[in-house]
PDB file of N, CA and C in Angstrom:
ATOM      1  N   MET A   1    -121.091 -51.167 -61.141  1.00  0.00           N
ATOM      2  CA  MET A   1    -121.306 -51.015 -59.857  1.00  0.00           C
ATOM      3  C   MET A   1    -121.618 -49.065 -60.179  1.00  0.00           C
ATOM      4  N   LYS A   2    -122.294 -48.491 -59.520  1.00  0.00           N
ATOM      5  CA  LYS A   2    -122.846 -47.701 -59.713  1.00  0.00           C
ATOM      6  C   LYS A   2    -122.004 -46.719 -58.593  1.00  0.00           C
ATOM      7  N   ASN A   3    -121.831 -45.477 -59.092  1.00  0.00           N
ATOM      8  CA  ASN A   3    -121.409 -44.369 -58.023  1.00  0.00           C
ATOM      9  C   ASN A   3    -121.461 -43.514 -58.176  1.00  0.00           C
ATOM     10  N   ASN A   4    -121.016 -42.308 -57.171  1.00  0.00           N
ATOM     11  CA  ASN A   4    -120.973 -40.926 -56.538  1.00  0.00           C
ATOM     12  C   ASN A   4    -120.218 -40.193 -57.490  1.00  0.00           C
ATOM     13  N   ILE A   5    -119.582 -40.417 -58.068  1.00  0.00           N
ATOM     14  CA  ILE A   5    -118.332 -39.471 -58.354  1.00  0.00           C
ATOM     15  C   ILE A   5    -118.481 -38.587 -59.129  1.00  0.00           C
ATOM     16  N   LYS A   6    -119.438 -38.342 -60.395  1.00  0.00           N
ATOM     17  CA  LYS A   6    -119.854 -36.964 -60.779  1.00  0.00           C
ATOM     18  C   LYS A   6    -120.141 -36.515 -59.917  1.00  0.00           C
ATOM     19  N   GLU A   7    -121.049 -36.504 -58.630  1.00  0.00           N
ATOM     20  CA  GLU A   7    -121.743 -35.817 -57.865  1.00  0.00           C
ATOM     21  C   GLU A   7    -120.662 -35.180 -56.916  1.00  0.00           C
ATOM     22  N   LEU A   8    -120.075 -35.638 -56.537  1.00  0.00           N
ATOM     23  CA  LEU A   8    -118.838 -35.349 -55.589  1.00  0.00           C
ATOM     24  C   LEU A   8    -117.651 -34.596 -56.227  1.00  0.00           C
ATOM     25  N   ARG A   9    -117.433 -34.740 -57.798  1.00  0.00           N
ATOM     26  CA  ARG A   9    -116.434 -33.988 -58.187  1.00  0.00           C
ATOM     27  C   ARG A   9    -116.788 -32.603 -58.456  1.00  0.00           C
ATOM     28  N   LYS A  10    -118.044 -33.147 -58.974  1.00  0.00           N
ATOM     29  CA  LYS A  10    -119.044 -31.265 -59.402  1.00  0.00           C
ATOM     30  C   LYS A  10    -119.135 -30.680 -57.734  1.00  0.00           C
ATOM     31  N   SER A  11    -119.037 -31.194 -57.034  1.00  0.00           N
ATOM     32  CA  SER A  11    -119.797 -30.495 -55.788  1.00  0.00           C
ATOM     33  C   SER A  11    -118.419 -29.702 -55.139  1.00  0.00           C
ATOM     34  N   ALA A  12    -116.957 -30.559 -55.620  1.00  0.00           N
ATOM     35  CA  ALA A  12    -116.023 -30.021 -55.538  1.00  0.00           C
ATOM     36  C   ALA A  12    -114.942 -29.324 -55.958  1.00  0.00           C
ATOM     37  N   LYS A  13    -115.919 -28.940 -57.502  1.00  0.00           N
ATOM     38  CA  LYS A  13    -115.713 -28.188 -58.593  1.00  0.00           C
ATOM     39  C   LYS A  13    -114.173 -28.158 -59.574  1.00  0.00           C
ATOM     40  N   LEU A  14    -114.456 -29.343 -59.738  1.00  0.00           N
ATOM     41  CA  LEU A  14    -113.723 -30.426 -60.396  1.00  0.00           C
ATOM     42  C   LEU A  14    -114.222 -30.447 -61.612  1.00  0.00           C
ATOM     43  N   SER A  15    -113.017 -30.416 -63.043  1.00  0.00           N
ATOM     44  CA  SER A  15    -113.921 -30.974 -63.457  1.00  0.00           C
ATOM     45  C   SER A  15    -113.021 -32.369 -63.982  1.00  0.00           C
ATOM     46  N   GLN A  16    -113.649 -33.211 -65.364  1.00  0.00           N
ATOM     47  CA  GLN A  16    -113.211 -34.074 -65.524  1.00  0.00           C
ATOM     48  C   GLN A  16    -111.086 -34.495 -65.507  1.00  0.00           C
ATOM     49  N   GLU A  17    -111.296 -33.760 -66.105  1.00  0.00           N
ATOM     50  CA  GLU A  17    -109.865 -33.144 -66.884  1.00  0.00           C
ATOM     51  C   GLU A  17    -108.869 -32.799 -65.175  1.00  0.00           C
ATOM     52  N   GLU A  18    -109.535 -32.505 -64.311  1.00  0.00           N
ATOM     53  CA  GLU A  18    -108.893 -31.851 -63.232  1.00  0.00           C
ATOM     54  C   GLU A  18    -108.509 -33.307 -61.931  1.00  0.00           C
ATOM     55  N   LEU A  19    -109.642 -33.923 -62.299  1.00  0.00           N
ATOM     56  CA  LEU A  19    -109.542 -34.890 -61.421  1.00  0.00           C
ATOM     57  C   LEU A  19    -108.915 -35.578 -61.928  1.00  0.00           C
ATOM     58  N   ALA A  20    -108.984 -35.956 -63.433  1.00  0.00           N
ATOM     59  CA  ALA A  20    -108.212 -37.223 -63.982  1.00  0.00           C
ATOM     60  C   ALA A  20    -106.382 -36.584 -63.601  1.00  0.00           C
ATOM     61  N   LYS A  21    -106.043 -35.259 -64.200  1.00  0.00           N
ATOM     62  CA  LYS A  21    -104.800 -34.741 -63.547  1.00  0.00           C
ATOM     63  C   LYS A  21    -103.960 -35.467 -62.587  1.00  0.00           C
ATOM     64  N   LEU A  22    -105.026 -34.778 -61.301  1.00  0.00           N
ATOM     65  CA  LEU A  22    -104.497 -35.311 -59.736  1.00  0.00           C
ATOM     66  C   LEU A  22    -104.580 -36.714 -59.477  1.00  0.00           C
ATOM     67  N   CYS A  23    -105.028 -37.632 -60.199  1.00  0.00           N
ATOM     68  CA  CYS A  23    -105.085 -38.728 -60.559  1.00  0.00           C
ATOM     69  C   CYS A  23    -104.301 -39.220 -60.955  1.00  0.00           C
ATOM     70  N   ARG A  24    -103.481 -39.173 -61.626  1.00  0.00           N
ATOM     71  CA  ARG A  24    -103.083 -39.906 -63.003  1.00  0.00           C
ATOM     72  C   ARG A  24    -103.294 -40.718 -63.659  1.00  0.00           C
ATOM     73  N   VAL A  25    -104.201 -40.343 -64.458  1.00  0.00           N
ATOM     74  CA  VAL A  25    -105.082 -40.613 -65.380  1.00  0.00           C
ATOM     75  C   VAL A  25    -105.333 -40.023 -66.672  1.00  0.00           C
ATOM     76  N   SER A  26    -106.048 -40.251 -67.498  1.00  0.00           N
ATOM     77  CA  SER A  26    -106.729 -39.768 -68.387  1.00  0.00           C
ATOM     78  C   SER A  26    -108.168 -39.285 -68.283  1.00  0.00           C
ATOM     79  N   ARG A  27    -108.059 -37.835 -68.929  1.00  0.00           N
ATOM     80  CA  ARG A  27    -110.328 -38.082 -68.447  1.00  0.00           C
ATOM     81  C   ARG A  27    -110.846 -38.982 -69.030  1.00  0.00           C
ATOM     82  N   GLN A  28    -110.592 -39.781 -70.138  1.00  0.00           N
ATOM     83  CA  GLN A  28    -111.334 -40.826 -70.231  1.00  0.00           C
ATOM     84  C   GLN A  28    -111.625 -41.931 -69.647  1.00  0.00           C
ATOM     85  N   THR A  29    -110.726 -42.029 -68.424  1.00  0.00           N
ATOM     86  CA  THR A  29    -110.495 -42.878 -67.267  1.00  0.00           C
ATOM     87  C   THR A  29    -111.961 -42.385 -66.443  1.00  0.00           C
ATOM     88  N   ILE A  30    -112.126 -41.172 -66.102  1.00  0.00           N
ATOM     89  CA  ILE A  30    -112.622 -40.676 -64.805  1.00  0.00           C
ATOM     90  C   ILE A  30    -114.407 -40.686 -65.825  1.00  0.00           C
ATOM     91  N   ASN A  31    -114.410 -40.432 -67.177  1.00  0.00           N
ATOM     92  CA  ASN A  31    -115.277 -40.531 -68.342  1.00  0.00           C
ATOM     93  C   ASN A  31    -115.808 -41.675 -67.661  1.00  0.00           C
ATOM     94  N   ALA A  32    -115.186 -43.169 -68.259  1.00  0.00           N
ATOM     95  CA  ALA A  32    -116.101 -44.488 -68.283  1.00  0.00           C
ATOM     96  C   ALA A  32    -116.104 -44.586 -66.652  1.00  0.00           C
ATOM     97  N   ILE A  33    -115.381 -44.467 -65.799  1.00  0.00           N
ATOM     98  CA  ILE A  33    -115.837 -44.628 -64.402  1.00  0.00           C
ATOM     99  C   ILE A  33    -116.957 -43.862 -63.693  1.00  0.00           C
ATOM    100  N   GLU A  34    -117.303 -42.894 -64.287  1.00  0.00           N
ATOM    101  CA  GLU A  34    -118.547 -42.274 -63.460  1.00  0.00           C
ATOM    102  C   GLU A  34    -120.018 -43.102 -64.502  1.00  0.00           C
ATOM    103  N   ASN A  35    -119.260 -43.403 -65.986  1.00  0.00           N
ATOM    104  CA  ASN A  35    -120.804 -43.642 -66.565  1.00  0.00           C
ATOM    105  C   ASN A  35    -120.816 -45.208 -66.308  1.00  0.00           C
ATOM    106  N   ASP A  36    -120.513 -46.006 -65.271  1.00  0.00           N
ATOM    107  CA  ASP A  36    -120.444 -47.110 -65.339  1.00  0.00           C
ATOM    108  C   ASP A  36    -119.832 -48.082 -66.456  1.00  0.00           C
ATOM    109  N   LYS A  37    -119.123 -47.969 -66.958  1.00  0.00           N
ATOM    110  CA  LYS A  37    -118.127 -48.377 -68.395  1.00  0.00           C
ATOM    111  C   LYS A  37    -116.868 -48.949 -67.750  1.00  0.00           C
ATOM    112  N   TYR A  38    -116.478 -48.360 -66.716  1.00  0.00           N
ATOM    113  CA  TYR A  38    -115.397 -48.932 -66.034  1.00  0.00           C
ATOM    114  C   TYR A  38    -115.161 -48.749 -64.417  1.00  0.00           C
ATOM    115  N   ASP A  39    -114.658 -50.228 -63.882  1.00  0.00           N
ATOM    116  CA  ASP A  39    -114.707 -50.794 -62.743  1.00  0.00           C
ATOM    117  C   ASP A  39    -112.800 -49.687 -62.429  1.00  0.00           C
ATOM    118  N   PRO A  40    -112.898 -48.886 -61.599  1.00  0.00           N
ATOM    119  CA  PRO A  40    -111.251 -48.640 -61.076  1.00  0.00           C
ATOM    120  C   PRO A  40    -110.789 -49.401 -60.064  1.00  0.00           C
ATOM    121  N   THR A  41    -109.410 -49.586 -60.679  1.00  0.00           N
ATOM    122  CA  THR A  41    -108.439 -50.494 -59.416  1.00  0.00           C
ATOM    123  C   THR A  41    -109.178 -50.007 -58.083  1.00  0.00           C
ATOM    124  N   LEU A  42    -108.194 -50.657 -57.064  1.00  0.00           N
ATOM    125  CA  LEU A  42    -108.591 -50.177 -55.413  1.00  0.00           C
ATOM    126  C   LEU A  42    -107.600 -49.284 -55.622  1.00  0.00           C
ATOM    127  N   GLN A  43    -106.264 -49.051 -55.848  1.00  0.00           N
ATOM    128  CA  GLN A  43    -105.729 -47.557 -55.797  1.00  0.00           C
ATOM    129  C   GLN A  43    -106.443 -46.768 -56.448  1.00  0.00           C
ATOM    130  N   LEU A  44    -106.661 -46.582 -57.512  1.00  0.00           N
ATOM    131  CA  LEU A  44    -107.428 -45.531 -58.037  1.00  0.00           C
ATOM    132  C   LEU A  44    -108.910 -45.275 -57.279  1.00  0.00           C
ATOM    133  N   ALA A  45    -109.763 -46.212 -57.066  1.00  0.00           N
ATOM    134  CA  ALA A  45    -110.388 -45.880 -55.674  1.00  0.00           C
ATOM    135  C   ALA A  45    -109.999 -45.040 -54.700  1.00  0.00           C
ATOM    136  N   PHE A  46    -109.566 -45.391 -53.898  1.00  0.00           N
ATOM    137  CA  PHE A  46    -108.722 -44.635 -52.705  1.00  0.00           C
ATOM    138  C   PHE A  46    -107.883 -43.344 -53.249  1.00  0.00           C
ATOM    139  N   ASP A  47    -107.526 -43.181 -54.462  1.00  0.00           N
ATOM    140  CA  ASP A  47    -106.963 -41.966 -54.886  1.00  0.00           C
ATOM    141  C   ASP A  47    -108.170 -41.014 -55.299  1.00  0.00           C
ATOM    142  N   ILE A  48    -109.304 -41.660 -55.951  1.00  0.00           N
ATOM    143  CA  ILE A  48    -109.942 -40.456 -56.313  1.00  0.00           C
ATOM    144  C   ILE A  48    -111.037 -40.432 -54.511  1.00  0.00           C
ATOM    145  N   ALA A  49    -111.031 -41.358 -53.722  1.00  0.00           N
ATOM    146  CA  ALA A  49    -111.541 -40.687 -52.761  1.00  0.00           C
ATOM    147  C   ALA A  49    -111.329 -39.703 -51.418  1.00  0.00           C
ATOM    148  N   PHE A  50    -109.497 -40.272 -51.964  1.00  0.00           N
ATOM    149  CA  PHE A  50    -108.859 -39.152 -50.939  1.00  0.00           C
ATOM    150  C   PHE A  50    -108.889 -37.724 -51.520  1.00  0.00           C
ATOM    151  N   ILE A  51    -108.849 -37.458 -52.712  1.00  0.00           N
ATOM    152  CA  ILE A  51    -108.940 -36.130 -53.621  1.00  0.00           C
ATOM    153  C   ILE A  51    -110.095 -35.211 -53.347  1.00  0.00           C
ATOM    154  N   LEU A  52    -111.527 -35.919 -53.541  1.00  0.00           N
ATOM    155  CA  LEU A  52    -112.707 -35.452 -52.939  1.00  0.00           C
ATOM    156  C   LEU A  52    -113.488 -35.753 -51.631  1.00  0.00           C
ATOM    157  N   ASP A  53    -112.055 -35.811 -51.034  1.00  0.00           N
ATOM    158  CA  ASP A  53    -112.391 -36.043 -49.606  1.00  0.00           C
ATOM    159  C   ASP A  53    -113.292 -36.379 -48.908  1.00  0.00           C
ATOM    160  N   THR A  54    -113.563 -38.040 -49.279  1.00  0.00           N
ATOM    161  CA  THR A  54    -114.641 -38.800 -49.039  1.00  0.00           C
ATOM    162  C   THR A  54    -113.728 -40.036 -48.678  1.00  0.00           C
ATOM    163  N   THR A  55    -114.610 -41.263 -48.478  1.00  0.00           N
ATOM    164  CA  THR A  55    -114.565 -43.000 -47.878  1.00  0.00           C
ATOM    165  C   THR A  55    -114.320 -43.447 -49.397  1.00  0.00           C
ATOM    166  N   VAL A  56    -113.977 -44.442 -50.019  1.00  0.00           N
ATOM    167  CA  VAL A  56    -114.276 -45.500 -50.620  1.00  0.00           C
ATOM    168  C   VAL A  56    -115.918 -45.880 -51.070  1.00  0.00           C
ATOM    169  N   ASP A  57    -116.528 -46.164 -50.006  1.00  0.00           N
ATOM    170  CA  ASP A  57    -117.467 -46.773 -49.513  1.00  0.00           C
ATOM    171  C   ASP A  57    -118.874 -45.857 -49.408  1.00  0.00           C
ATOM    172  N   LYS A  58    -118.338 -44.668 -49.772  1.00  0.00           N
ATOM    173  CA  LYS A  58    -119.171 -43.999 -50.052  1.00  0.00           C
ATOM    174  C   LYS A  58    -119.156 -43.583 -51.214  1.00  0.00           C
ATOM    175  N   LEU A  59    -118.493 -43.364 -52.135  1.00  0.00           N
ATOM    176  CA  LEU A  59    -118.196 -43.311 -53.551  1.00  0.00           C
ATOM    177  C   LEU A  59    -118.679 -43.804 -54.441  1.00  0.00           C
ATOM    178  N   PHE A  60    -119.012 -45.337 -53.982  1.00  0.00           N
ATOM    179  CA  PHE A  60    -119.857 -46.702 -54.461  1.00  0.00           C
ATOM    180  C   PHE A  60    -120.898 -47.057 -54.125  1.00  0.00           C
ATOM    181  N   ILE A  61    -122.033 -47.312 -55.116  1.00  0.00           N
ATOM    182  CA  ILE A  61    -123.178 -47.786 -54.466  1.00  0.00           C
ATOM    183  C   ILE A  61    -123.106 -49.403 -54.787  1.00  0.00           C
ATOM    184  N   SER A  62    -123.378 -50.668 -53.498  1.00  0.00           N
ATOM    185  CA  SER A  62    -123.235 -51.858 -54.118  1.00  0.00           C
ATOM    186  C   SER A  62    -124.252 -52.201 -54.353  1.00  0.00           C
ATOM    187  N   ASP A  63    -124.032 -53.322 -55.421  1.00  0.00           N
ATOM    188  CA  ASP A  63    -125.667 -54.170 -55.555  1.00  0.00           C
ATOM    189  C   ASP A  63    -126.064 -55.332 -54.934  1.00  0.00           C
ATOM    190  N   PRO A  64    -126.755 -55.148 -54.149  1.00  0.00           N
ATOM    191  CA  PRO A  64    -126.947 -56.680 -53.314  1.00  0.00           C
ATOM    192  C   PRO A  64    -127.178 -57.477 -53.899  1.00  0.00           C
ATOM    193  N   ILE A  65    -126.369 -58.173 -52.911  1.00  0.00           N
ATOM    194  CA  ILE A  65    -126.292 -60.158 -53.528  1.00  0.00           C
ATOM    195  C   ILE A  65    -127.457 -60.717 -53.777  1.00  0.00           C
ATOM    196  N   LYS A  66    -127.743 -61.003 -54.939  1.00  0.00           N
ATOM    197  CA  LYS A  66    -128.987 -61.650 -55.505  1.00  0.00           C
ATOM    198  C   LYS A  66    -129.138 -63.531 -54.800  1.00  0.00           C
ATOM    199  N   LYS A  67    -129.986 -63.764 -54.364  1.00  0.00           N
ATOM    200  CA  LYS A  67    -129.557 -65.013 -53.946  1.00  0.00           C
ATOM    201  C   LYS A  67    -130.810 -66.136 -55.143  1.00  0.00           C
TER     202      LYS A  67
END
């Protein structure tokens, strides 16, 4: 699932390490999420959204369902 976390994090002037500490996860986890290698848990998605002052639906770009 694509996301806007990197752009929003940079706008907030946070490093991956800083965001990771605020979310209580590793920097590698934030890196993997930003690079579409890992989908966060729902709780982590809400935590990231709260820290970046946005909503979960604005963090992630859903791929439309293909029939």
